[in-house]
Amino acid sequence: MTKRTRRDHTPAFKAKVALTAIKGEKTLAEFAKLFDVHPNQITAWKAQLLDGTAGVFGSSVASAEAPSVDLKALHAKIGELALENCFLECALIKAGMLSVKR
């Protein structure tokens, strides 16, 4: 018995299989044989399709966008932390608690 390599199905194929499974014209075993995939995989794709369809009709598209980030504030914080590190490193070197070689 030869081992089959892992297959990567396209989203279009997954949608096609899930939609036909939702229609329910055949049994799950028949769909599995027809599309050459495991019945558990068809069930998972069907559940994913049903979970994702609510977003089509809702306004979740606006909430799915990433919140805008204030880059100036982040760059200022990075500069502040770099200055603190430099100050503390110089103070430790002067105090003899940190060797110059790193």
PDB file of N, CA and C in Angstrom:
ATOM      1  N   MET A   1       0.841  -1.173   0.000  1.00  0.00           N
ATOM      2  CA  MET A   1       0.000   0.000   0.000  1.00  0.00           C
ATOM      3  C   MET A   1       0.893   1.244   0.000  1.00  0.00           C
ATOM      4  N   THR A   2       0.713   2.083  -0.989  1.00  0.00           N
ATOM      5  CA  THR A   2       1.532   3.292  -1.080  1.00  0.00           C
ATOM      6  C   THR A   2       0.856   4.422  -0.327  1.00  0.00           C
ATOM      7  N   LYS A   3       1.694   5.268   0.220  1.00  0.00           N
ATOM      8  CA  LYS A   3       1.175   6.389   0.986  1.00  0.00           C
ATOM      9  C   LYS A   3       0.976   7.584   0.051  1.00  0.00           C
ATOM     10  N   ARG A   4      -0.209   8.180   0.109  1.00  0.00           N
ATOM     11  CA  ARG A   4      -0.515   9.315  -0.744  1.00  0.00           C
ATOM     12  C   ARG A   4       0.105  10.581  -0.172  1.00  0.00           C
ATOM     13  N   THR A   5       0.604  11.427  -1.042  1.00  0.00           N
ATOM     14  CA  THR A   5       1.183  12.688  -0.581  1.00  0.00           C
ATOM     15  C   THR A   5       0.073  13.634  -0.141  1.00  0.00           C
ATOM     16  N   ARG A   6       0.435  14.555   0.701  1.00  0.00           N
ATOM     17  CA  ARG A   6      -0.531  15.504   1.223  1.00  0.00           C
ATOM     18  C   ARG A   6      -1.019  16.422   0.106  1.00  0.00           C
ATOM     19  N   ARG A   7      -2.334  16.559  -0.002  1.00  0.00           N
ATOM     20  CA  ARG A   7      -2.906  17.386  -1.051  1.00  0.00           C
ATOM     21  C   ARG A   7      -3.323  18.736  -0.482  1.00  0.00           C
ATOM     22  N   ASP A   8      -3.195  19.760  -1.299  1.00  0.00           N
ATOM     23  CA  ASP A   8      -3.579  21.108  -0.911  1.00  0.00           C
ATOM     24  C   ASP A   8      -4.734  21.519  -1.820  1.00  0.00           C
ATOM     25  N   HIS A   9      -5.937  21.563  -1.244  1.00  0.00           N
ATOM     26  CA  HIS A   9      -7.122  21.878  -2.032  1.00  0.00           C
ATOM     27  C   HIS A   9      -7.313  23.388  -2.128  1.00  0.00           C
ATOM     28  N   THR A  10      -7.783  23.830  -3.268  1.00  0.00           N
ATOM     29  CA  THR A  10      -8.027  25.251  -3.474  1.00  0.00           C
ATOM     30  C   THR A  10      -9.290  25.667  -2.730  1.00  0.00           C
ATOM     31  N   PRO A  11      -9.397  26.940  -2.378  1.00  0.00           N
ATOM     32  CA  PRO A  11     -10.616  27.411  -1.721  1.00  0.00           C
ATOM     33  C   PRO A  11     -11.866  27.211  -2.582  1.00  0.00           C
ATOM     34  N   ALA A  12     -11.726  27.318  -3.893  1.00  0.00           N
ATOM     35  CA  ALA A  12     -12.868  27.107  -4.783  1.00  0.00           C
ATOM     36  C   ALA A  12     -13.360  25.662  -4.696  1.00  0.00           C
ATOM     37  N   PHE A  13     -12.421  24.718  -4.651  1.00  0.00           N
ATOM     38  CA  PHE A  13     -12.796  23.314  -4.538  1.00  0.00           C
ATOM     39  C   PHE A  13     -13.485  23.045  -3.207  1.00  0.00           C
ATOM     40  N   LYS A  14     -12.942  23.613  -2.129  1.00  0.00           N
ATOM     41  CA  LYS A  14     -13.539  23.430  -0.805  1.00  0.00           C
ATOM     42  C   LYS A  14     -14.961  23.983  -0.771  1.00  0.00           C
ATOM     43  N   ALA A  15     -15.152  25.156  -1.380  1.00  0.00           N
ATOM     44  CA  ALA A  15     -16.484  25.761  -1.409  1.00  0.00           C
ATOM     45  C   ALA A  15     -17.445  24.900  -2.209  1.00  0.00           C
ATOM     46  N   LYS A  16     -16.995  24.366  -3.322  1.00  0.00           N
ATOM     47  CA  LYS A  16     -17.835  23.515  -4.167  1.00  0.00           C
ATOM     48  C   LYS A  16     -18.279  22.268  -3.404  1.00  0.00           C
ATOM     49  N   VAL A  17     -17.334  21.632  -2.723  1.00  0.00           N
ATOM     50  CA  VAL A  17     -17.649  20.421  -1.961  1.00  0.00           C
ATOM     51  C   VAL A  17     -18.610  20.745  -0.814  1.00  0.00           C
ATOM     52  N   ALA A  18     -18.349  21.842  -0.101  1.00  0.00           N
ATOM     53  CA  ALA A  18     -19.197  22.210   1.033  1.00  0.00           C
ATOM     54  C   ALA A  18     -20.611  22.563   0.580  1.00  0.00           C
ATOM     55  N   LEU A  19     -20.725  23.272  -0.534  1.00  0.00           N
ATOM     56  CA  LEU A  19     -22.059  23.639  -1.030  1.00  0.00           C
ATOM     57  C   LEU A  19     -22.854  22.411  -1.469  1.00  0.00           C
ATOM     58  N   THR A  20     -22.192  21.471  -2.122  1.00  0.00           N
ATOM     59  CA  THR A  20     -22.911  20.261  -2.520  1.00  0.00           C
ATOM     60  C   THR A  20     -23.307  19.442  -1.300  1.00  0.00           C
ATOM     61  N   ALA A  21     -22.484  19.475  -0.252  1.00  0.00           N
ATOM     62  CA  ALA A  21     -22.828  18.737   0.972  1.00  0.00           C
ATOM     63  C   ALA A  21     -24.000  19.396   1.676  1.00  0.00           C
ATOM     64  N   ILE A  22     -24.080  20.718   1.614  1.00  0.00           N
ATOM     65  CA  ILE A  22     -25.208  21.415   2.243  1.00  0.00           C
ATOM     66  C   ILE A  22     -26.504  21.099   1.519  1.00  0.00           C
ATOM     67  N   LYS A  23     -26.439  20.964   0.192  1.00  0.00           N
ATOM     68  CA  LYS A  23     -27.639  20.627  -0.579  1.00  0.00           C
ATOM     69  C   LYS A  23     -28.196  19.279  -0.146  1.00  0.00           C
ATOM     70  N   GLY A  24     -27.320  18.351   0.188  1.00  0.00           N
ATOM     71  CA  GLY A  24     -27.749  17.065   0.734  1.00  0.00           C
ATOM     72  C   GLY A  24     -28.401  16.137  -0.256  1.00  0.00           C
ATOM     73  N   GLU A  25     -28.038  16.216  -1.516  1.00  0.00           N
ATOM     74  CA  GLU A  25     -28.637  15.350  -2.532  1.00  0.00           C
ATOM     75  C   GLU A  25     -28.147  13.912  -2.430  1.00  0.00           C
ATOM     76  N   LYS A  26     -26.954  13.720  -1.840  1.00  0.00           N
ATOM     77  CA  LYS A  26     -26.382  12.386  -1.665  1.00  0.00           C
ATOM     78  C   LYS A  26     -25.916  12.252  -0.225  1.00  0.00           C
ATOM     79  N   THR A  27     -25.486  11.066   0.121  1.00  0.00           N
ATOM     80  CA  THR A  27     -24.963  10.852   1.467  1.00  0.00           C
ATOM     81  C   THR A  27     -23.524  11.370   1.539  1.00  0.00           C
ATOM     82  N   LEU A  28     -23.047  11.515   2.754  1.00  0.00           N
ATOM     83  CA  LEU A  28     -21.692  12.002   2.971  1.00  0.00           C
ATOM     84  C   LEU A  28     -20.670  11.044   2.382  1.00  0.00           C
ATOM     85  N   ALA A  29     -20.909   9.759   2.490  1.00  0.00           N
ATOM     86  CA  ALA A  29     -19.997   8.762   1.935  1.00  0.00           C
ATOM     87  C   ALA A  29     -19.940   8.861   0.410  1.00  0.00           C
ATOM     88  N   GLU A  30     -21.072   9.135  -0.206  1.00  0.00           N
ATOM     89  CA  GLU A  30     -21.101   9.273  -1.665  1.00  0.00           C
ATOM     90  C   GLU A  30     -20.328  10.519  -2.108  1.00  0.00           C
ATOM     91  N   PHE A  31     -20.490  11.612  -1.370  1.00  0.00           N
ATOM     92  CA  PHE A  31     -19.738  12.825  -1.680  1.00  0.00           C
ATOM     93  C   PHE A  31     -18.240  12.590  -1.511  1.00  0.00           C
ATOM     94  N   ALA A  32     -17.870  11.858  -0.467  1.00  0.00           N
ATOM     95  CA  ALA A  32     -16.458  11.574  -0.212  1.00  0.00           C
ATOM     96  C   ALA A  32     -15.853  10.775  -1.357  1.00  0.00           C
ATOM     97  N   LYS A  33     -16.594   9.825  -1.846  1.00  0.00           N
ATOM     98  CA  LYS A  33     -16.112   9.011  -2.955  1.00  0.00           C
ATOM     99  C   LYS A  33     -16.074   9.830  -4.249  1.00  0.00           C
ATOM    100  N   LEU A  34     -17.073  10.677  -4.452  1.00  0.00           N
ATOM    101  CA  LEU A  34     -17.163  11.489  -5.658  1.00  0.00           C
ATOM    102  C   LEU A  34     -16.005  12.490  -5.752  1.00  0.00           C
ATOM    103  N   PHE A  35     -15.703  13.157  -4.645  1.00  0.00           N
ATOM    104  CA  PHE A  35     -14.665  14.182  -4.642  1.00  0.00           C
ATOM    105  C   PHE A  35     -13.301  13.661  -4.175  1.00  0.00           C
ATOM    106  N   ASP A  36     -13.231  12.404  -3.780  1.00  0.00           N
ATOM    107  CA  ASP A  36     -11.993  11.766  -3.324  1.00  0.00           C
ATOM    108  C   ASP A  36     -11.375  12.493  -2.132  1.00  0.00           C
ATOM    109  N   VAL A  37     -12.215  12.775  -1.138  1.00  0.00           N
ATOM    110  CA  VAL A  37     -11.756  13.349   0.130  1.00  0.00           C
ATOM    111  C   VAL A  37     -12.418  12.583   1.266  1.00  0.00           C
ATOM    112  N   HIS A  38     -11.881  12.726   2.459  1.00  0.00           N
ATOM    113  CA  HIS A  38     -12.416  12.025   3.620  1.00  0.00           C
ATOM    114  C   HIS A  38     -13.735  12.678   4.060  1.00  0.00           C
ATOM    115  N   PRO A  39     -14.702  11.887   4.527  1.00  0.00           N
ATOM    116  CA  PRO A  39     -15.976  12.454   4.980  1.00  0.00           C
ATOM    117  C   PRO A  39     -15.824  13.479   6.112  1.00  0.00           C
ATOM    118  N   ASN A  40     -14.856  13.268   7.004  1.00  0.00           N
ATOM    119  CA  ASN A  40     -14.632  14.238   8.072  1.00  0.00           C
ATOM    120  C   ASN A  40     -14.184  15.590   7.515  1.00  0.00           C
ATOM    121  N   GLN A  41     -13.421  15.556   6.421  1.00  0.00           N
ATOM    122  CA  GLN A  41     -12.966  16.803   5.804  1.00  0.00           C
ATOM    123  C   GLN A  41     -14.148  17.549   5.202  1.00  0.00           C
ATOM    124  N   ILE A  42     -15.071  16.831   4.605  1.00  0.00           N
ATOM    125  CA  ILE A  42     -16.267  17.459   4.049  1.00  0.00           C
ATOM    126  C   ILE A  42     -17.090  18.098   5.159  1.00  0.00           C
ATOM    127  N   THR A  43     -17.223  17.412   6.268  1.00  0.00           N
ATOM    128  CA  THR A  43     -17.963  17.951   7.407  1.00  0.00           C
ATOM    129  C   THR A  43     -17.299  19.216   7.947  1.00  0.00           C
ATOM    130  N   ALA A  44     -15.980  19.214   8.005  1.00  0.00           N
ATOM    131  CA  ALA A  44     -15.257  20.394   8.498  1.00  0.00           C
ATOM    132  C   ALA A  44     -15.443  21.573   7.546  1.00  0.00           C
ATOM    133  N   TRP A  45     -15.330  21.334   6.242  1.00  0.00           N
ATOM    134  CA  TRP A  45     -15.506  22.416   5.271  1.00  0.00           C
ATOM    135  C   TRP A  45     -16.933  22.947   5.297  1.00  0.00           C
ATOM    136  N   LYS A  46     -17.882  22.062   5.502  1.00  0.00           N
ATOM    137  CA  LYS A  46     -19.287  22.471   5.581  1.00  0.00           C
ATOM    138  C   LYS A  46     -19.500  23.367   6.804  1.00  0.00           C
ATOM    139  N   ALA A  47     -18.907  23.002   7.942  1.00  0.00           N
ATOM    140  CA  ALA A  47     -19.031  23.813   9.154  1.00  0.00           C
ATOM    141  C   ALA A  47     -18.363  25.169   8.967  1.00  0.00           C
ATOM    142  N   GLN A  48     -17.201  25.201   8.298  1.00  0.00           N
ATOM    143  CA  GLN A  48     -16.516  26.463   8.034  1.00  0.00           C
ATOM    144  C   GLN A  48     -17.366  27.366   7.157  1.00  0.00           C
ATOM    145  N   LEU A  49     -18.000  26.786   6.163  1.00  0.00           N
ATOM    146  CA  LEU A  49     -18.849  27.561   5.265  1.00  0.00           C
ATOM    147  C   LEU A  49     -20.043  28.140   6.007  1.00  0.00           C
ATOM    148  N   LEU A  50     -20.664  27.327   6.840  1.00  0.00           N
ATOM    149  CA  LEU A  50     -21.829  27.801   7.584  1.00  0.00           C
ATOM    150  C   LEU A  50     -21.440  28.867   8.611  1.00  0.00           C
ATOM    151  N   ASP A  51     -20.271  28.745   9.223  1.00  0.00           N
ATOM    152  CA  ASP A  51     -19.819  29.745  10.191  1.00  0.00           C
ATOM    153  C   ASP A  51     -19.476  31.072   9.514  1.00  0.00           C
ATOM    154  N   GLY A  52     -18.939  31.007   8.305  1.00  0.00           N
ATOM    155  CA  GLY A  52     -18.499  32.213   7.623  1.00  0.00           C
ATOM    156  C   GLY A  52     -19.569  32.956   6.862  1.00  0.00           C
ATOM    157  N   THR A  53     -20.718  32.338   6.648  1.00  0.00           N
ATOM    158  CA  THR A  53     -21.748  32.992   5.847  1.00  0.00           C
ATOM    159  C   THR A  53     -22.408  34.154   6.571  1.00  0.00           C
ATOM    160  N   ALA A  54     -22.375  34.192   7.874  1.00  0.00           N
ATOM    161  CA  ALA A  54     -22.986  35.300   8.608  1.00  0.00           C
ATOM    162  C   ALA A  54     -22.267  36.609   8.311  1.00  0.00           C
ATOM    163  N   GLY A  55     -20.986  36.547   8.035  1.00  0.00           N
ATOM    164  CA  GLY A  55     -20.218  37.745   7.728  1.00  0.00           C
ATOM    165  C   GLY A  55     -20.584  38.365   6.396  1.00  0.00           C
ATOM    166  N   VAL A  56     -21.182  37.594   5.501  1.00  0.00           N
ATOM    167  CA  VAL A  56     -21.576  38.121   4.205  1.00  0.00           C
ATOM    168  C   VAL A  56     -22.705  39.135   4.360  1.00  0.00           C
ATOM    169  N   PHE A  57     -23.626  38.872   5.254  1.00  0.00           N
ATOM    170  CA  PHE A  57     -24.788  39.727   5.403  1.00  0.00           C
ATOM    171  C   PHE A  57     -24.648  40.748   6.520  1.00  0.00           C
ATOM    172  N   GLY A  58     -23.664  40.586   7.395  1.00  0.00           N
ATOM    173  CA  GLY A  58     -23.488  41.499   8.518  1.00  0.00           C
ATOM    174  C   GLY A  58     -22.496  42.602   8.197  1.00  0.00           C
ATOM    175  N   SER A  59     -22.284  43.433   9.194  1.00  0.00           N
ATOM    176  CA  SER A  59     -21.343  44.539   9.028  1.00  0.00           C
ATOM    177  C   SER A  59     -20.009  44.210   9.691  1.00  0.00           C
ATOM    178  N   SER A  60     -19.656  42.940   9.749  1.00  0.00           N
ATOM    179  CA  SER A  60     -18.415  42.538  10.401  1.00  0.00           C
ATOM    180  C   SER A  60     -17.190  42.874   9.561  1.00  0.00           C
ATOM    181  N   VAL A  61     -17.385  43.298   8.322  1.00  0.00           N
ATOM    182  CA  VAL A  61     -16.260  43.647   7.462  1.00  0.00           C
ATOM    183  C   VAL A  61     -15.529  44.857   8.035  1.00  0.00           C
ATOM    184  N   ALA A  62     -16.253  45.834   8.541  1.00  0.00           N
ATOM    185  CA  ALA A  62     -15.629  47.031   9.101  1.00  0.00           C
ATOM    186  C   ALA A  62     -14.869  46.702  10.376  1.00  0.00           C
ATOM    187  N   SER A  63     -15.398  45.777  11.180  1.00  0.00           N
ATOM    188  CA  SER A  63     -14.725  45.434  12.431  1.00  0.00           C
ATOM    189  C   SER A  63     -13.530  44.508  12.196  1.00  0.00           C
ATOM    190  N   ALA A  64     -13.466  43.849  11.046  1.00  0.00           N
ATOM    191  CA  ALA A  64     -12.371  42.941  10.759  1.00  0.00           C
ATOM    192  C   ALA A  64     -11.104  43.692  10.358  1.00  0.00           C
ATOM    193  N   GLU A  65     -11.234  44.976   9.986  1.00  0.00           N
ATOM    194  CA  GLU A  65     -10.064  45.749   9.598  1.00  0.00           C
ATOM    195  C   GLU A  65      -9.178  46.001  10.805  1.00  0.00           C
ATOM    196  N   ALA A  66      -7.886  46.056  10.564  1.00  0.00           N
ATOM    197  CA  ALA A  66      -6.942  46.294  11.653  1.00  0.00           C
ATOM    198  C   ALA A  66      -7.067  47.745  12.123  1.00  0.00           C
ATOM    199  N   PRO A  67      -6.991  47.973  13.428  1.00  0.00           N
ATOM    200  CA  PRO A  67      -7.079  49.343  13.920  1.00  0.00           C
ATOM    201  C   PRO A  67      -5.851  50.136  13.481  1.00  0.00           C
ATOM    202  N   SER A  68      -6.068  51.407  13.210  1.00  0.00           N
ATOM    203  CA  SER A  68      -4.951  52.233  12.766  1.00  0.00           C
ATOM    204  C   SER A  68      -3.988  52.464  13.935  1.00  0.00           C
ATOM    205  N   VAL A  69      -2.706  52.445  13.633  1.00  0.00           N
ATOM    206  CA  VAL A  69      -1.666  52.565  14.646  1.00  0.00           C
ATOM    207  C   VAL A  69      -0.954  53.902  14.446  1.00  0.00           C
ATOM    208  N   ASP A  70      -0.710  54.605  15.542  1.00  0.00           N
ATOM    209  CA  ASP A  70      -0.015  55.874  15.489  1.00  0.00           C
ATOM    210  C   ASP A  70       1.493  55.597  15.441  1.00  0.00           C
ATOM    211  N   LEU A  71       2.056  55.658  14.237  1.00  0.00           N
ATOM    212  CA  LEU A  71       3.467  55.328  14.062  1.00  0.00           C
ATOM    213  C   LEU A  71       4.386  56.346  14.715  1.00  0.00           C
ATOM    214  N   LYS A  72       3.986  57.617  14.742  1.00  0.00           N
ATOM    215  CA  LYS A  72       4.835  58.631  15.357  1.00  0.00           C
ATOM    216  C   LYS A  72       5.028  58.344  16.841  1.00  0.00           C
ATOM    217  N   ALA A  73       3.949  57.951  17.508  1.00  0.00           N
ATOM    218  CA  ALA A  73       4.043  57.645  18.937  1.00  0.00           C
ATOM    219  C   ALA A  73       4.930  56.425  19.174  1.00  0.00           C
ATOM    220  N   LEU A  74       4.817  55.421  18.306  1.00  0.00           N
ATOM    221  CA  LEU A  74       5.645  54.226  18.459  1.00  0.00           C
ATOM    222  C   LEU A  74       7.120  54.538  18.223  1.00  0.00           C
ATOM    223  N   HIS A  75       7.413  55.344  17.206  1.00  0.00           N
ATOM    224  CA  HIS A  75       8.802  55.722  16.952  1.00  0.00           C
ATOM    225  C   HIS A  75       9.362  56.562  18.097  1.00  0.00           C
ATOM    226  N   ALA A  76       8.539  57.425  18.668  1.00  0.00           N
ATOM    227  CA  ALA A  76       8.991  58.225  19.806  1.00  0.00           C
ATOM    228  C   ALA A  76       9.319  57.331  20.995  1.00  0.00           C
ATOM    229  N   LYS A  77       8.493  56.308  21.230  1.00  0.00           N
ATOM    230  CA  LYS A  77       8.726  55.384  22.337  1.00  0.00           C
ATOM    231  C   LYS A  77      10.017  54.591  22.112  1.00  0.00           C
ATOM    232  N   ILE A  78      10.257  54.171  20.873  1.00  0.00           N
ATOM    233  CA  ILE A  78      11.487  53.446  20.559  1.00  0.00           C
ATOM    234  C   ILE A  78      12.701  54.318  20.834  1.00  0.00           C
ATOM    235  N   GLY A  79      12.639  55.575  20.419  1.00  0.00           N
ATOM    236  CA  GLY A  79      13.741  56.492  20.666  1.00  0.00           C
ATOM    237  C   GLY A  79      13.979  56.716  22.144  1.00  0.00           C
ATOM    238  N   GLU A  80      12.880  56.843  22.890  1.00  0.00           N
ATOM    239  CA  GLU A  80      12.984  57.042  24.344  1.00  0.00           C
ATOM    240  C   GLU A  80      13.656  55.843  25.011  1.00  0.00           C
ATOM    241  N   LEU A  81      13.258  54.652  24.630  1.00  0.00           N
ATOM    242  CA  LEU A  81      13.838  53.441  25.220  1.00  0.00           C
ATOM    243  C   LEU A  81      15.298  53.273  24.819  1.00  0.00           C
ATOM    244  N   ALA A  82      15.640  53.610  23.588  1.00  0.00           N
ATOM    245  CA  ALA A  82      17.035  53.523  23.159  1.00  0.00           C
ATOM    246  C   ALA A  82      17.894  54.499  23.952  1.00  0.00           C
ATOM    247  N   LEU A  83      17.378  55.699  24.201  1.00  0.00           N
ATOM    248  CA  LEU A  83      18.116  56.691  24.989  1.00  0.00           C
ATOM    249  C   LEU A  83      18.324  56.217  26.424  1.00  0.00           C
ATOM    250  N   GLU A  84      17.282  55.617  27.011  1.00  0.00           N
ATOM    251  CA  GLU A  84      17.390  55.082  28.375  1.00  0.00           C
ATOM    252  C   GLU A  84      18.443  53.976  28.436  1.00  0.00           C
ATOM    253  N   ASN A  85      18.433  53.087  27.448  1.00  0.00           N
ATOM    254  CA  ASN A  85      19.418  51.995  27.422  1.00  0.00           C
ATOM    255  C   ASN A  85      20.829  52.541  27.330  1.00  0.00           C
ATOM    256  N   CYS A  86      21.031  53.516  26.475  1.00  0.00           N
ATOM    257  CA  CYS A  86      22.362  54.106  26.313  1.00  0.00           C
ATOM    258  C   CYS A  86      22.811  54.777  27.610  1.00  0.00           C
ATOM    259  N   PHE A  87      21.899  55.521  28.239  1.00  0.00           N
ATOM    260  CA  PHE A  87      22.223  56.215  29.491  1.00  0.00           C
ATOM    261  C   PHE A  87      22.606  55.214  30.578  1.00  0.00           C
ATOM    262  N   LEU A  88      21.795  54.161  30.733  1.00  0.00           N
ATOM    263  CA  LEU A  88      22.068  53.173  31.774  1.00  0.00           C
ATOM    264  C   LEU A  88      23.352  52.393  31.484  1.00  0.00           C
ATOM    265  N   GLU A  89      23.600  52.079  30.232  1.00  0.00           N
ATOM    266  CA  GLU A  89      24.821  51.363  29.879  1.00  0.00           C
ATOM    267  C   GLU A  89      26.045  52.214  30.209  1.00  0.00           C
ATOM    268  N   CYS A  90      26.003  53.511  29.860  1.00  0.00           N
ATOM    269  CA  CYS A  90      27.131  54.407  30.155  1.00  0.00           C
ATOM    270  C   CYS A  90      27.329  54.552  31.662  1.00  0.00           C
ATOM    271  N   ALA A  91      26.230  54.625  32.414  1.00  0.00           N
ATOM    272  CA  ALA A  91      26.330  54.753  33.868  1.00  0.00           C
ATOM    273  C   ALA A  91      26.938  53.498  34.481  1.00  0.00           C
ATOM    274  N   LEU A  92      26.577  52.343  34.003  1.00  0.00           N
ATOM    275  CA  LEU A  92      27.137  51.097  34.521  1.00  0.00           C
ATOM    276  C   LEU A  92      28.617  50.963  34.167  1.00  0.00           C
ATOM    277  N   ILE A  93      28.995  51.401  32.991  1.00  0.00           N
ATOM    278  CA  ILE A  93      30.409  51.342  32.598  1.00  0.00           C
ATOM    279  C   ILE A  93      31.224  52.255  33.497  1.00  0.00           C
ATOM    280  N   LYS A  94      30.721  53.468  33.766  1.00  0.00           N
ATOM    281  CA  LYS A  94      31.433  54.409  34.628  1.00  0.00           C
ATOM    282  C   LYS A  94      31.546  53.889  36.056  1.00  0.00           C
ATOM    283  N   ALA A  95      30.523  53.163  36.510  1.00  0.00           N
ATOM    284  CA  ALA A  95      30.526  52.630  37.857  1.00  0.00           C
ATOM    285  C   ALA A  95      31.387  51.375  37.956  1.00  0.00           C
ATOM    286  N   GLY A  96      31.819  50.837  36.822  1.00  0.00           N
ATOM    287  CA  GLY A  96      32.648  49.648  36.830  1.00  0.00           C
ATOM    288  C   GLY A  96      31.871  48.364  36.971  1.00  0.00           C
ATOM    289  N   MET A  97      30.577  48.418  36.824  1.00  0.00           N
ATOM    290  CA  MET A  97      29.751  47.220  36.964  1.00  0.00           C
ATOM    291  C   MET A  97      29.522  46.510  35.636  1.00  0.00           C
ATOM    292  N   LEU A  98      29.944  47.127  34.543  1.00  0.00           N
ATOM    293  CA  LEU A  98      29.745  46.530  33.223  1.00  0.00           C
ATOM    294  C   LEU A  98      31.050  46.699  32.449  1.00  0.00           C
ATOM    295  N   SER A  99      31.520  45.620  31.866  1.00  0.00           N
ATOM    296  CA  SER A  99      32.761  45.709  31.104  1.00  0.00           C
ATOM    297  C   SER A  99      32.474  46.362  29.760  1.00  0.00           C
ATOM    298  N   VAL A 100      33.466  47.005  29.186  1.00  0.00           N
ATOM    299  CA  VAL A 100      33.305  47.695  27.919  1.00  0.00           C
ATOM    300  C   VAL A 100      33.155  46.683  26.793  1.00  0.00           C
ATOM    301  N   LYS A 101      33.857  45.545  26.893  1.00  0.00           N
ATOM    302  CA  LYS A 101      33.752  44.511  25.887  1.00  0.00           C
ATOM    303  C   LYS A 101      32.443  43.773  26.049  1.00  0.00           C
ATOM    304  N   ARG A 102      31.769  43.513  24.934  1.00  0.00           N
ATOM    305  CA  ARG A 102      30.500  42.776  24.987  1.00  0.00           C
ATOM    306  C   ARG A 102      30.545  41.606  24.093  1.00  0.00           C
TER     307      ARG A 102
END
